[in-house]
Amino acid sequence: MIKIGLGSKSWFAPILGAIAALVLTVTIVFILHGYLMKVPDVLIRLGAGVLLVIFGTFWLGQGL
């Protein structure tokens, strides 16, 4: 999106969206840090694997 915005000279909205996403992500991590430290690594890896499979299946379906 940033490249498209730069090509059309409307770069403010994509840059602002990227900064907002970064701030929101860092805020959520700081809020949940104590809880996430108590979660076993196996569950985090399982969750990441499930998300990758779900997104991969979705993108495969969209590509076909």
PDB file of N, CA and C in Angstrom:
ATOM      1  N   MET A   1       0.816  -1.191   0.000  1.00  0.00           N
ATOM      2  CA  MET A   1       0.000   0.000   0.000  1.00  0.00           C
ATOM      3  C   MET A   1       0.857   1.251   0.000  1.00  0.00           C
ATOM      4  N   ILE A   2       1.977   1.223   0.675  1.00  0.00           N
ATOM      5  CA  ILE A   2       2.808   2.420   0.732  1.00  0.00           C
ATOM      6  C   ILE A   2       3.330   2.757  -0.653  1.00  0.00           C
ATOM      7  N   LYS A   3       3.733   1.752  -1.435  1.00  0.00           N
ATOM      8  CA  LYS A   3       4.249   2.013  -2.771  1.00  0.00           C
ATOM      9  C   LYS A   3       3.164   2.609  -3.665  1.00  0.00           C
ATOM     10  N   ILE A   4       1.945   2.108  -3.576  1.00  0.00           N
ATOM     11  CA  ILE A   4       0.843   2.656  -4.359  1.00  0.00           C
ATOM     12  C   ILE A   4       0.568   4.095  -3.927  1.00  0.00           C
ATOM     13  N   GLY A   5       0.611   4.335  -2.635  1.00  0.00           N
ATOM     14  CA  GLY A   5       0.374   5.686  -2.132  1.00  0.00           C
ATOM     15  C   GLY A   5       1.445   6.661  -2.583  1.00  0.00           C
ATOM     16  N   LEU A   6       2.698   6.217  -2.620  1.00  0.00           N
ATOM     17  CA  LEU A   6       3.769   7.096  -3.076  1.00  0.00           C
ATOM     18  C   LEU A   6       3.643   7.386  -4.561  1.00  0.00           C
ATOM     19  N   GLY A   7       3.192   6.403  -5.331  1.00  0.00           N
ATOM     20  CA  GLY A   7       3.021   6.607  -6.763  1.00  0.00           C
ATOM     21  C   GLY A   7       1.920   7.600  -7.079  1.00  0.00           C
ATOM     22  N   SER A   8       0.908   7.653  -6.247  1.00  0.00           N
ATOM     23  CA  SER A   8      -0.207   8.572  -6.494  1.00  0.00           C
ATOM     24  C   SER A   8      -0.097   9.832  -5.636  1.00  0.00           C
ATOM     25  N   LYS A   9       1.013  10.019  -4.988  1.00  0.00           N
ATOM     26  CA  LYS A   9       1.298  11.194  -4.157  1.00  0.00           C
ATOM     27  C   LYS A   9       0.359  11.323  -2.957  1.00  0.00           C
ATOM     28  N   SER A  10      -0.223  10.214  -2.523  1.00  0.00           N
ATOM     29  CA  SER A  10      -1.055  10.235  -1.315  1.00  0.00           C
ATOM     30  C   SER A  10      -0.444   9.274  -0.299  1.00  0.00           C
ATOM     31  N   TRP A  11       0.666   9.649   0.261  1.00  0.00           N
ATOM     32  CA  TRP A  11       1.444   8.771   1.132  1.00  0.00           C
ATOM     33  C   TRP A  11       1.086   8.919   2.594  1.00  0.00           C
ATOM     34  N   PHE A  12       0.340   9.937   2.957  1.00  0.00           N
ATOM     35  CA  PHE A  12       0.085  10.194   4.373  1.00  0.00           C
ATOM     36  C   PHE A  12      -0.731   9.085   5.032  1.00  0.00           C
ATOM     37  N   ALA A  13      -1.796   8.631   4.405  1.00  0.00           N
ATOM     38  CA  ALA A  13      -2.678   7.620   5.003  1.00  0.00           C
ATOM     39  C   ALA A  13      -1.975   6.278   5.210  1.00  0.00           C
ATOM     40  N   PRO A  14      -1.215   5.740   4.224  1.00  0.00           N
ATOM     41  CA  PRO A  14      -0.533   4.470   4.479  1.00  0.00           C
ATOM     42  C   PRO A  14       0.534   4.559   5.572  1.00  0.00           C
ATOM     43  N   ILE A  15       1.275   5.658   5.597  1.00  0.00           N
ATOM     44  CA  ILE A  15       2.295   5.833   6.640  1.00  0.00           C
ATOM     45  C   ILE A  15       1.629   5.935   8.005  1.00  0.00           C
ATOM     46  N   LEU A  16       0.559   6.687   8.088  1.00  0.00           N
ATOM     47  CA  LEU A  16      -0.160   6.838   9.356  1.00  0.00           C
ATOM     48  C   LEU A  16      -0.746   5.502   9.809  1.00  0.00           C
ATOM     49  N   GLY A  17      -1.266   4.717   8.876  1.00  0.00           N
ATOM     50  CA  GLY A  17      -1.795   3.401   9.220  1.00  0.00           C
ATOM     51  C   GLY A  17      -0.723   2.459   9.731  1.00  0.00           C
ATOM     52  N   ALA A  18       0.458   2.496   9.107  1.00  0.00           N
ATOM     53  CA  ALA A  18       1.562   1.650   9.556  1.00  0.00           C
ATOM     54  C   ALA A  18       2.032   2.051  10.956  1.00  0.00           C
ATOM     55  N   ILE A  19       2.112   3.329  11.210  1.00  0.00           N
ATOM     56  CA  ILE A  19       2.523   3.801  12.542  1.00  0.00           C
ATOM     57  C   ILE A  19       1.470   3.434  13.584  1.00  0.00           C
ATOM     58  N   ALA A  20       0.198   3.577  13.244  1.00  0.00           N
ATOM     59  CA  ALA A  20      -0.876   3.222  14.176  1.00  0.00           C
ATOM     60  C   ALA A  20      -0.850   1.728  14.497  1.00  0.00           C
ATOM     61  N   ALA A  21      -0.596   0.889  13.482  1.00  0.00           N
ATOM     62  CA  ALA A  21      -0.518  -0.556  13.712  1.00  0.00           C
ATOM     63  C   ALA A  21       0.659  -0.894  14.622  1.00  0.00           C
ATOM     64  N   LEU A  22       1.789  -0.227  14.419  1.00  0.00           N
ATOM     65  CA  LEU A  22       2.960  -0.463  15.268  1.00  0.00           C
ATOM     66  C   LEU A  22       2.673  -0.076  16.712  1.00  0.00           C
ATOM     67  N   VAL A  23       2.087   1.097  16.909  1.00  0.00           N
ATOM     68  CA  VAL A  23       1.781   1.559  18.269  1.00  0.00           C
ATOM     69  C   VAL A  23       0.776   0.620  18.941  1.00  0.00           C
ATOM     70  N   LEU A  24      -0.244   0.192  18.217  1.00  0.00           N
ATOM     71  CA  LEU A  24      -1.246  -0.711  18.780  1.00  0.00           C
ATOM     72  C   LEU A  24      -0.623  -2.055  19.157  1.00  0.00           C
ATOM     73  N   THR A  25       0.230  -2.583  18.295  1.00  0.00           N
ATOM     74  CA  THR A  25       0.876  -3.869  18.573  1.00  0.00           C
ATOM     75  C   THR A  25       1.776  -3.783  19.794  1.00  0.00           C
ATOM     76  N   VAL A  26       2.583  -2.739  19.883  1.00  0.00           N
ATOM     77  CA  VAL A  26       3.483  -2.581  21.038  1.00  0.00           C
ATOM     78  C   VAL A  26       2.674  -2.401  22.314  1.00  0.00           C
ATOM     79  N   THR A  27       1.580  -1.664  22.257  1.00  0.00           N
ATOM     80  CA  THR A  27       0.735  -1.468  23.434  1.00  0.00           C
ATOM     81  C   THR A  27       0.133  -2.785  23.908  1.00  0.00           C
ATOM     82  N   ILE A  28      -0.367  -3.581  22.985  1.00  0.00           N
ATOM     83  CA  ILE A  28      -0.955  -4.877  23.345  1.00  0.00           C
ATOM     84  C   ILE A  28       0.100  -5.799  23.949  1.00  0.00           C
ATOM     85  N   VAL A  29       1.305  -5.785  23.397  1.00  0.00           N
ATOM     86  CA  VAL A  29       2.372  -6.635  23.936  1.00  0.00           C
ATOM     87  C   VAL A  29       2.729  -6.211  25.357  1.00  0.00           C
ATOM     88  N   PHE A  30       2.815  -4.909  25.614  1.00  0.00           N
ATOM     89  CA  PHE A  30       3.122  -4.450  26.972  1.00  0.00           C
ATOM     90  C   PHE A  30       2.017  -4.824  27.948  1.00  0.00           C
ATOM     91  N   ILE A  31       0.772  -4.744  27.501  1.00  0.00           N
ATOM     92  CA  ILE A  31      -0.351  -5.076  28.388  1.00  0.00           C
ATOM     93  C   ILE A  31      -0.369  -6.574  28.705  1.00  0.00           C
ATOM     94  N   LEU A  32      -0.123  -7.417  27.710  1.00  0.00           N
ATOM     95  CA  LEU A  32      -0.227  -8.870  27.880  1.00  0.00           C
ATOM     96  C   LEU A  32       1.094  -9.551  28.221  1.00  0.00           C
ATOM     97  N   HIS A  33       2.157  -8.791  28.439  1.00  0.00           N
ATOM     98  CA  HIS A  33       3.475  -9.384  28.640  1.00  0.00           C
ATOM     99  C   HIS A  33       3.501 -10.368  29.810  1.00  0.00           C
ATOM    100  N   GLY A  34       2.951  -9.994  30.937  1.00  0.00           N
ATOM    101  CA  GLY A  34       2.958 -10.873  32.109  1.00  0.00           C
ATOM    102  C   GLY A  34       2.207 -12.169  31.859  1.00  0.00           C
ATOM    103  N   TYR A  35       1.066 -12.066  31.193  1.00  0.00           N
ATOM    104  CA  TYR A  35       0.282 -13.259  30.886  1.00  0.00           C
ATOM    105  C   TYR A  35       1.008 -14.149  29.887  1.00  0.00           C
ATOM    106  N   LEU A  36       1.587 -13.553  28.861  1.00  0.00           N
ATOM    107  CA  LEU A  36       2.256 -14.338  27.822  1.00  0.00           C
ATOM    108  C   LEU A  36       3.499 -15.053  28.338  1.00  0.00           C
ATOM    109  N   MET A  37       4.125 -14.522  29.367  1.00  0.00           N
ATOM    110  CA  MET A  37       5.302 -15.184  29.936  1.00  0.00           C
ATOM    111  C   MET A  37       4.915 -16.487  30.640  1.00  0.00           C
ATOM    112  N   LYS A  38       3.656 -16.613  31.054  1.00  0.00           N
ATOM    113  CA  LYS A  38       3.194 -17.815  31.758  1.00  0.00           C
ATOM    114  C   LYS A  38       2.706 -18.905  30.809  1.00  0.00           C
ATOM    115  N   VAL A  39       2.476 -18.557  29.538  1.00  0.00           N
ATOM    116  CA  VAL A  39       1.973 -19.525  28.561  1.00  0.00           C
ATOM    117  C   VAL A  39       3.130 -20.398  28.089  1.00  0.00           C
ATOM    118  N   PRO A  40       2.974 -21.721  28.094  1.00  0.00           N
ATOM    119  CA  PRO A  40       4.051 -22.604  27.639  1.00  0.00           C
ATOM    120  C   PRO A  40       4.396 -22.363  26.166  1.00  0.00           C
ATOM    121  N   ASP A  41       5.675 -22.539  25.825  1.00  0.00           N
ATOM    122  CA  ASP A  41       6.152 -22.327  24.453  1.00  0.00           C
ATOM    123  C   ASP A  41       5.429 -23.221  23.454  1.00  0.00           C
ATOM    124  N   VAL A  42       5.080 -24.410  23.891  1.00  0.00           N
ATOM    125  CA  VAL A  42       4.431 -25.355  22.984  1.00  0.00           C
ATOM    126  C   VAL A  42       3.091 -24.807  22.495  1.00  0.00           C
ATOM    127  N   LEU A  43       2.334 -24.176  23.374  1.00  0.00           N
ATOM    128  CA  LEU A  43       1.045 -23.622  22.979  1.00  0.00           C
ATOM    129  C   LEU A  43       1.207 -22.451  22.017  1.00  0.00           C
ATOM    130  N   ILE A  44       2.234 -21.628  22.228  1.00  0.00           N
ATOM    131  CA  ILE A  44       2.474 -20.497  21.332  1.00  0.00           C
ATOM    132  C   ILE A  44       2.870 -21.010  19.947  1.00  0.00           C
ATOM    133  N   ARG A  45       3.737 -22.019  19.904  1.00  0.00           N
ATOM    134  CA  ARG A  45       4.145 -22.596  18.618  1.00  0.00           C
ATOM    135  C   ARG A  45       2.966 -23.274  17.921  1.00  0.00           C
ATOM    136  N   LEU A  46       2.128 -23.949  18.686  1.00  0.00           N
ATOM    137  CA  LEU A  46       0.942 -24.592  18.109  1.00  0.00           C
ATOM    138  C   LEU A  46       0.004 -23.548  17.521  1.00  0.00           C
ATOM    139  N   GLY A  47      -0.221 -22.476  18.260  1.00  0.00           N
ATOM    140  CA  GLY A  47      -1.078 -21.403  17.764  1.00  0.00           C
ATOM    141  C   GLY A  47      -0.521 -20.766  16.503  1.00  0.00           C
ATOM    142  N   ALA A  48       0.795 -20.528  16.464  1.00  0.00           N
ATOM    143  CA  ALA A  48       1.414 -19.949  15.267  1.00  0.00           C
ATOM    144  C   ALA A  48       1.296 -20.905  14.086  1.00  0.00           C
ATOM    145  N   GLY A  49       1.471 -22.185  14.324  1.00  0.00           N
ATOM    146  CA  GLY A  49       1.335 -23.171  13.253  1.00  0.00           C
ATOM    147  C   GLY A  49      -0.074 -23.253  12.717  1.00  0.00           C
ATOM    148  N   VAL A  50      -1.044 -23.212  13.607  1.00  0.00           N
ATOM    149  CA  VAL A  50      -2.445 -23.258  13.178  1.00  0.00           C
ATOM    150  C   VAL A  50      -2.779 -22.022  12.346  1.00  0.00           C
ATOM    151  N   LEU A  51      -2.312 -20.848  12.775  1.00  0.00           N
ATOM    152  CA  LEU A  51      -2.569 -19.630  12.010  1.00  0.00           C
ATOM    153  C   LEU A  51      -1.926 -19.688  10.631  1.00  0.00           C
ATOM    154  N   LEU A  52      -0.700 -20.211  10.551  1.00  0.00           N
ATOM    155  CA  LEU A  52      -0.038 -20.324   9.252  1.00  0.00           C
ATOM    156  C   LEU A  52      -0.795 -21.265   8.317  1.00  0.00           C
ATOM    157  N   VAL A  53      -1.290 -22.372   8.856  1.00  0.00           N
ATOM    158  CA  VAL A  53      -2.058 -23.310   8.035  1.00  0.00           C
ATOM    159  C   VAL A  53      -3.369 -22.669   7.572  1.00  0.00           C
ATOM    160  N   ILE A  54      -4.035 -21.959   8.456  1.00  0.00           N
ATOM    161  CA  ILE A  54      -5.299 -21.313   8.096  1.00  0.00           C
ATOM    162  C   ILE A  54      -5.077 -20.263   7.016  1.00  0.00           C
ATOM    163  N   PHE A  55      -4.102 -19.385   7.220  1.00  0.00           N
ATOM    164  CA  PHE A  55      -3.837 -18.345   6.222  1.00  0.00           C
ATOM    165  C   PHE A  55      -3.355 -18.952   4.912  1.00  0.00           C
ATOM    166  N   GLY A  56      -2.516 -19.976   4.981  1.00  0.00           N
ATOM    167  CA  GLY A  56      -2.050 -20.625   3.767  1.00  0.00           C
ATOM    168  C   GLY A  56      -3.180 -21.258   2.987  1.00  0.00           C
ATOM    169  N   THR A  57      -4.104 -21.895   3.686  1.00  0.00           N
ATOM    170  CA  THR A  57      -5.253 -22.500   3.026  1.00  0.00           C
ATOM    171  C   THR A  57      -6.141 -21.436   2.382  1.00  0.00           C
ATOM    172  N   PHE A  58      -6.326 -20.339   3.087  1.00  0.00           N
ATOM    173  CA  PHE A  58      -7.140 -19.252   2.548  1.00  0.00           C
ATOM    174  C   PHE A  58      -6.500 -18.671   1.289  1.00  0.00           C
ATOM    175  N   TRP A  59      -5.179 -18.407   1.346  1.00  0.00           N
ATOM    176  CA  TRP A  59      -4.500 -17.820   0.187  1.00  0.00           C
ATOM    177  C   TRP A  59      -4.448 -18.804  -0.977  1.00  0.00           C
ATOM    178  N   LEU A  60      -4.337 -20.084  -0.688  1.00  0.00           N
ATOM    179  CA  LEU A  60      -4.370 -21.088  -1.753  1.00  0.00           C
ATOM    180  C   LEU A  60      -5.746 -21.074  -2.433  1.00  0.00           C
ATOM    181  N   GLY A  61      -6.782 -21.021  -1.623  1.00  0.00           N
ATOM    182  CA  GLY A  61      -8.130 -20.968  -2.180  1.00  0.00           C
ATOM    183  C   GLY A  61      -8.354 -19.715  -3.022  1.00  0.00           C
ATOM    184  N   GLN A  62      -7.839 -18.587  -2.555  1.00  0.00           N
ATOM    185  CA  GLN A  62      -7.976 -17.351  -3.315  1.00  0.00           C
ATOM    186  C   GLN A  62      -7.185 -17.417  -4.624  1.00  0.00           C
ATOM    187  N   GLY A  63      -6.043 -18.071  -4.578  1.00  0.00           N
ATOM    188  CA  GLY A  63      -5.212 -18.173  -5.777  1.00  0.00           C
ATOM    189  C   GLY A  63      -5.819 -19.082  -6.836  1.00  0.00           C
ATOM    190  N   LEU A  64      -6.539 -20.100  -6.393  1.00  0.00           N
ATOM    191  CA  LEU A  64      -7.154 -21.013  -7.350  1.00  0.00           C
ATOM    192  C   LEU A  64      -8.405 -20.409  -7.919  1.00  0.00           C
TER     193      LEU A  64
END
